[in-house]
């Protein structure tokens, strides 16, 4: 079952519906065969101001055969730029796909190391924009936004 929840939009229900519907749309495009997935999108005030990010993605379960099924996506609340929020959502859902399919995995021996398509990468040694999963997510984000 695909489960999508949006938290943090109680004062702006229309935005909550847009985020939920966008999440479902992107999941169908990224993972059309996926039948088991839980995504919680948390709209966070001042995420950009406090942490310097528009959003992030976190697996919220232990991996099974190098795959995850439960995720939390945090998005910076920007009522003046819903398009940026949707674009960030598309990017973070690309990471959900990467983790859910095992393409990207955590290396539990080191918090700086991730495994992309079987190869270890230390994020402290590579520029953020050059990380292969970020290149892939940016490409997916652009493709999704072109059909959204």
C-alpha atoms as a PDB file:
ATOM      1  CA  UNK A   1       0.000   0.000   0.000  1.00  0.00           C
ATOM      2  CA  UNK A   2       1.208   3.518  -0.815  1.00  0.00           C
ATOM      3  CA  UNK A   3       0.603   5.846   2.121  1.00  0.00           C
ATOM      4  CA  UNK A   4       1.215   9.611   1.932  1.00  0.00           C
ATOM      5  CA  UNK A   5       0.735  11.989   4.827  1.00  0.00           C
ATOM      6  CA  UNK A   6       1.443  15.705   5.050  1.00  0.00           C
ATOM      7  CA  UNK A   7       2.086  17.343   8.418  1.00  0.00           C
ATOM      8  CA  UNK A   8       2.490  21.016   9.236  1.00  0.00           C
ATOM      9  CA  UNK A   9      -0.195  22.464   6.974  1.00  0.00           C
ATOM     10  CA  UNK A  10      -3.108  22.735   9.373  1.00  0.00           C
ATOM     11  CA  UNK A  11      -3.317  26.501   8.784  1.00  0.00           C
ATOM     12  CA  UNK A  12      -3.031  26.124   5.022  1.00  0.00           C
ATOM     13  CA  UNK A  13      -5.111  23.112   3.989  1.00  0.00           C
ATOM     14  CA  UNK A  14      -4.915  24.004   0.306  1.00  0.00           C
ATOM     15  CA  UNK A  15      -1.112  23.760   0.424  1.00  0.00           C
ATOM     16  CA  UNK A  16      -1.438  20.436   2.238  1.00  0.00           C
ATOM     17  CA  UNK A  17      -3.627  19.079  -0.576  1.00  0.00           C
ATOM     18  CA  UNK A  18      -1.211  20.349  -3.225  1.00  0.00           C
ATOM     19  CA  UNK A  19       1.748  18.697  -1.471  1.00  0.00           C
ATOM     20  CA  UNK A  20      -0.145  15.402  -0.983  1.00  0.00           C
ATOM     21  CA  UNK A  21      -1.367  15.297  -4.585  1.00  0.00           C
ATOM     22  CA  UNK A  22       2.077  16.223  -5.919  1.00  0.00           C
ATOM     23  CA  UNK A  23       3.692  13.519  -3.793  1.00  0.00           C
ATOM     24  CA  UNK A  24       1.307  10.897  -5.141  1.00  0.00           C
ATOM     25  CA  UNK A  25       1.873  12.076  -8.722  1.00  0.00           C
ATOM     26  CA  UNK A  26       5.672  11.975  -8.394  1.00  0.00           C
ATOM     27  CA  UNK A  27       5.619   8.533  -6.743  1.00  0.00           C
ATOM     28  CA  UNK A  28       3.558   7.150  -9.626  1.00  0.00           C
ATOM     29  CA  UNK A  29       6.004   8.597 -12.157  1.00  0.00           C
ATOM     30  CA  UNK A  30       9.167   7.545 -10.308  1.00  0.00           C
ATOM     31  CA  UNK A  31       8.039   4.140  -9.061  1.00  0.00           C
ATOM     32  CA  UNK A  32       4.996   2.971 -11.027  1.00  0.00           C
ATOM     33  CA  UNK A  33       5.322  -0.635  -9.830  1.00  0.00           C
ATOM     34  CA  UNK A  34       5.924   0.174  -6.171  1.00  0.00           C
ATOM     35  CA  UNK A  35       3.167  -1.236  -3.966  1.00  0.00           C
ATOM     36  CA  UNK A  36       4.612  -0.765  -0.477  1.00  0.00           C
ATOM     37  CA  UNK A  37       5.695   2.721   0.554  1.00  0.00           C
ATOM     38  CA  UNK A  38       5.000   5.193   3.333  1.00  0.00           C
ATOM     39  CA  UNK A  39       5.988   8.843   2.878  1.00  0.00           C
ATOM     40  CA  UNK A  40       5.419  11.510   5.488  1.00  0.00           C
ATOM     41  CA  UNK A  41       6.022  15.053   4.273  1.00  0.00           C
ATOM     42  CA  UNK A  42       6.677  17.516   7.070  1.00  0.00           C
ATOM     43  CA  UNK A  43       6.338  21.203   6.280  1.00  0.00           C
ATOM     44  CA  UNK A  44       8.864  22.954   8.510  1.00  0.00           C
ATOM     45  CA  UNK A  45       9.001  26.665   9.307  1.00  0.00           C
ATOM     46  CA  UNK A  46      12.421  28.274   8.845  1.00  0.00           C
ATOM     47  CA  UNK A  47      14.191  25.104   7.651  1.00  0.00           C
ATOM     48  CA  UNK A  48      16.191  27.148   5.159  1.00  0.00           C
ATOM     49  CA  UNK A  49      17.004  29.799   7.749  1.00  0.00           C
ATOM     50  CA  UNK A  50      17.942  27.324  10.506  1.00  0.00           C
ATOM     51  CA  UNK A  51      19.643  24.527   8.545  1.00  0.00           C
ATOM     52  CA  UNK A  52      20.425  26.096   5.173  1.00  0.00           C
ATOM     53  CA  UNK A  53      18.333  23.577   3.199  1.00  0.00           C
ATOM     54  CA  UNK A  54      15.084  23.634   1.254  1.00  0.00           C
ATOM     55  CA  UNK A  55      14.405  20.003   2.109  1.00  0.00           C
ATOM     56  CA  UNK A  56      15.770  16.602   2.958  1.00  0.00           C
ATOM     57  CA  UNK A  57      14.843  12.949   2.900  1.00  0.00           C
ATOM     58  CA  UNK A  58      15.321  10.398   5.645  1.00  0.00           C
ATOM     59  CA  UNK A  59      14.603   6.682   5.656  1.00  0.00           C
ATOM     60  CA  UNK A  60      12.473   5.987   8.725  1.00  0.00           C
ATOM     61  CA  UNK A  61      12.872   2.217   8.908  1.00  0.00           C
ATOM     62  CA  UNK A  62      15.572  -0.438   8.926  1.00  0.00           C
ATOM     63  CA  UNK A  63      16.528  -1.593   5.486  1.00  0.00           C
ATOM     64  CA  UNK A  64      15.275  -4.932   4.254  1.00  0.00           C
ATOM     65  CA  UNK A  65      17.524  -6.392   1.547  1.00  0.00           C
ATOM     66  CA  UNK A  66      19.092  -2.925   1.142  1.00  0.00           C
ATOM     67  CA  UNK A  67      15.714  -1.284   0.573  1.00  0.00           C
ATOM     68  CA  UNK A  68      13.644   1.062   2.682  1.00  0.00           C
ATOM     69  CA  UNK A  69       9.863   1.467   2.700  1.00  0.00           C
ATOM     70  CA  UNK A  70       9.199   4.334   5.119  1.00  0.00           C
ATOM     71  CA  UNK A  71      10.446   7.884   4.636  1.00  0.00           C
ATOM     72  CA  UNK A  72      10.202  11.356   6.091  1.00  0.00           C
ATOM     73  CA  UNK A  73      10.665  14.330   3.783  1.00  0.00           C
ATOM     74  CA  UNK A  74      11.085  17.752   5.326  1.00  0.00           C
ATOM     75  CA  UNK A  75      10.267  20.812   3.227  1.00  0.00           C
ATOM     76  CA  UNK A  76      10.924  24.432   4.073  1.00  0.00           C
ATOM     77  CA  UNK A  77       7.627  26.289   4.368  1.00  0.00           C
ATOM     78  CA  UNK A  78       7.575  29.106   1.834  1.00  0.00           C
ATOM     79  CA  UNK A  79       4.009  30.331   1.260  1.00  0.00           C
ATOM     80  CA  UNK A  80       5.272  32.743  -1.403  1.00  0.00           C
ATOM     81  CA  UNK A  81       6.981  30.068  -3.524  1.00  0.00           C
ATOM     82  CA  UNK A  82       4.884  26.929  -3.764  1.00  0.00           C
ATOM     83  CA  UNK A  83       6.696  26.078  -7.021  1.00  0.00           C
ATOM     84  CA  UNK A  84      10.019  25.868  -5.152  1.00  0.00           C
ATOM     85  CA  UNK A  85       8.410  23.627  -2.548  1.00  0.00           C
ATOM     86  CA  UNK A  86       7.063  21.298  -5.274  1.00  0.00           C
ATOM     87  CA  UNK A  87      10.414  21.239  -7.061  1.00  0.00           C
ATOM     88  CA  UNK A  88      12.187  20.402  -3.794  1.00  0.00           C
ATOM     89  CA  UNK A  89       9.602  17.688  -3.167  1.00  0.00           C
ATOM     90  CA  UNK A  90      10.329  16.164  -6.594  1.00  0.00           C
ATOM     91  CA  UNK A  91      14.052  16.174  -5.785  1.00  0.00           C
ATOM     92  CA  UNK A  92      13.574  14.539  -2.383  1.00  0.00           C
ATOM     93  CA  UNK A  93      11.204  11.924  -3.806  1.00  0.00           C
ATOM     94  CA  UNK A  94      13.964  11.035  -6.254  1.00  0.00           C
ATOM     95  CA  UNK A  95      16.031  10.144  -3.198  1.00  0.00           C
ATOM     96  CA  UNK A  96      13.103   8.090  -1.881  1.00  0.00           C
ATOM     97  CA  UNK A  97      13.211   6.114  -5.124  1.00  0.00           C
ATOM     98  CA  UNK A  98      16.971   5.668  -4.818  1.00  0.00           C
ATOM     99  CA  UNK A  99      16.669   4.262  -1.283  1.00  0.00           C
ATOM    100  CA  UNK A 100      13.509   2.239  -1.985  1.00  0.00           C
ATOM    101  CA  UNK A 101      15.131   0.468  -4.923  1.00  0.00           C
ATOM    102  CA  UNK A 102      18.513  -0.049  -3.236  1.00  0.00           C
ATOM    103  CA  UNK A 103      20.306   2.175  -5.738  1.00  0.00           C
ATOM    104  CA  UNK A 104      21.456   4.347  -2.817  1.00  0.00           C
ATOM    105  CA  UNK A 105      22.209   2.821   0.577  1.00  0.00           C
ATOM    106  CA  UNK A 106      23.493   3.933   3.939  1.00  0.00           C
ATOM    107  CA  UNK A 107      26.872   2.648   5.033  1.00  0.00           C
ATOM    108  CA  UNK A 108      26.172   2.030   8.702  1.00  0.00           C
ATOM    109  CA  UNK A 109      29.893   1.934   9.523  1.00  0.00           C
ATOM    110  CA  UNK A 110      30.319   5.659   8.767  1.00  0.00           C
ATOM    111  CA  UNK A 111      27.890   8.569   8.705  1.00  0.00           C
ATOM    112  CA  UNK A 112      29.846  10.246   5.883  1.00  0.00           C
ATOM    113  CA  UNK A 113      29.791   7.251   3.549  1.00  0.00           C
ATOM    114  CA  UNK A 114      26.957   6.204   1.258  1.00  0.00           C
ATOM    115  CA  UNK A 115      26.808   3.404  -1.260  1.00  0.00           C
ATOM    116  CA  UNK A 116      25.672   4.333  -4.773  1.00  0.00           C
ATOM    117  CA  UNK A 117      25.106   1.454  -7.165  1.00  0.00           C
ATOM    118  CA  UNK A 118      27.467  -0.714  -5.121  1.00  0.00           C
ATOM    119  CA  UNK A 119      30.312   1.803  -4.848  1.00  0.00           C
ATOM    120  CA  UNK A 120      31.205   3.661  -1.634  1.00  0.00           C
ATOM    121  CA  UNK A 121      31.429   7.461  -1.656  1.00  0.00           C
ATOM    122  CA  UNK A 122      32.610   9.637   1.207  1.00  0.00           C
ATOM    123  CA  UNK A 123      30.576  12.842   1.122  1.00  0.00           C
ATOM    124  CA  UNK A 124      33.339  14.701   2.971  1.00  0.00           C
ATOM    125  CA  UNK A 125      35.716  14.099   0.060  1.00  0.00           C
ATOM    126  CA  UNK A 126      33.385  14.974  -2.834  1.00  0.00           C
ATOM    127  CA  UNK A 127      31.668  18.268  -3.579  1.00  0.00           C
ATOM    128  CA  UNK A 128      27.929  17.989  -2.822  1.00  0.00           C
ATOM    129  CA  UNK A 129      26.924  18.798  -6.405  1.00  0.00           C
ATOM    130  CA  UNK A 130      29.245  16.057  -7.704  1.00  0.00           C
ATOM    131  CA  UNK A 131      27.729  13.251  -5.631  1.00  0.00           C
ATOM    132  CA  UNK A 132      26.190  10.799  -8.112  1.00  0.00           C
ATOM    133  CA  UNK A 133      22.880  10.530  -6.255  1.00  0.00           C
ATOM    134  CA  UNK A 134      22.536  14.319  -6.244  1.00  0.00           C
ATOM    135  CA  UNK A 135      23.256  14.476  -9.984  1.00  0.00           C
ATOM    136  CA  UNK A 136      20.622  11.782 -10.520  1.00  0.00           C
ATOM    137  CA  UNK A 137      18.073  13.505  -8.245  1.00  0.00           C
ATOM    138  CA  UNK A 138      18.550  16.842 -10.000  1.00  0.00           C
ATOM    139  CA  UNK A 139      18.007  15.166 -13.365  1.00  0.00           C
ATOM    140  CA  UNK A 140      14.852  13.441 -12.057  1.00  0.00           C
ATOM    141  CA  UNK A 141      13.612  16.674 -10.475  1.00  0.00           C
ATOM    142  CA  UNK A 142      13.902  18.489 -13.816  1.00  0.00           C
ATOM    143  CA  UNK A 143      12.165  15.656 -15.699  1.00  0.00           C
ATOM    144  CA  UNK A 144       9.331  15.519 -13.171  1.00  0.00           C
ATOM    145  CA  UNK A 145       8.827  19.272 -13.171  1.00  0.00           C
ATOM    146  CA  UNK A 146       8.682  19.287 -16.972  1.00  0.00           C
ATOM    147  CA  UNK A 147       5.614  16.993 -16.893  1.00  0.00           C
ATOM    148  CA  UNK A 148       4.010  18.324 -13.718  1.00  0.00           C
END
